[in-house]
Amino acid sequence: MKTIEIRRHSIRNKPGPDLSEQGVALARLVGQELGQFDRVVTSPLPRAVQTANAMGFAVDSTEPLIATYGDDVEMECPWPASFADYAAAFRRGGAAFSYARRLAGFYAQLAASLPEGGSALVVNHGGVVELSAVGCLPAADFSALGDYIEYCEGIRLTWQNGQFIALQVLRV
């Protein structure tokens, strides 16, 4: 069994790209509760990289795919939206469906690259976290998962026998 923990970045100084002092403090606090990871992957945006660093992790790689879902998905399901809202957009088969399937492929490759019993931390963005869950486990009951993911919250995906088998929401 393998796990991928996907977290939203921490609080930033809008409209700037960097975390605020409050954001660094929140990421440090959350990072104290996390275990070790075999791989750490973030969006290339500074707030994602800085969140992983503030959590206490060096970033192994960045992935542009997880930086944003783009205007087409935003038109189908404007952020912020609940897991159920993103699942409904996914089921319509448009841009949200295509993007979530691309995310699922990325996470499947990441899981396959981990050693047995291994884990990865991924830091990305609001909406991307929720669509990651929908893409990896499209048959899940998303109505029970609640509202959108806040700063430093996320999901944990469990991978076994070549597929994702479980999803847990991680609230702060």
Foldseek 3Di string as FASTA:
>chain_A
DEKEWEWEFFDPDPPDQARDPVRLVVLCVLLVPDDDAPAEEEAPGHRQCSSCVSSPDHHPYYDPLQADLDDVVCVLPNPPWALVSLLVSLVVPPSLVVSLLVLLVVVLVVRVPADVVGYYYYYYHWPSQSSVVCSQCVVDDRVPVDTTADHGWHKMWDDDPSGTDDIDTGHD
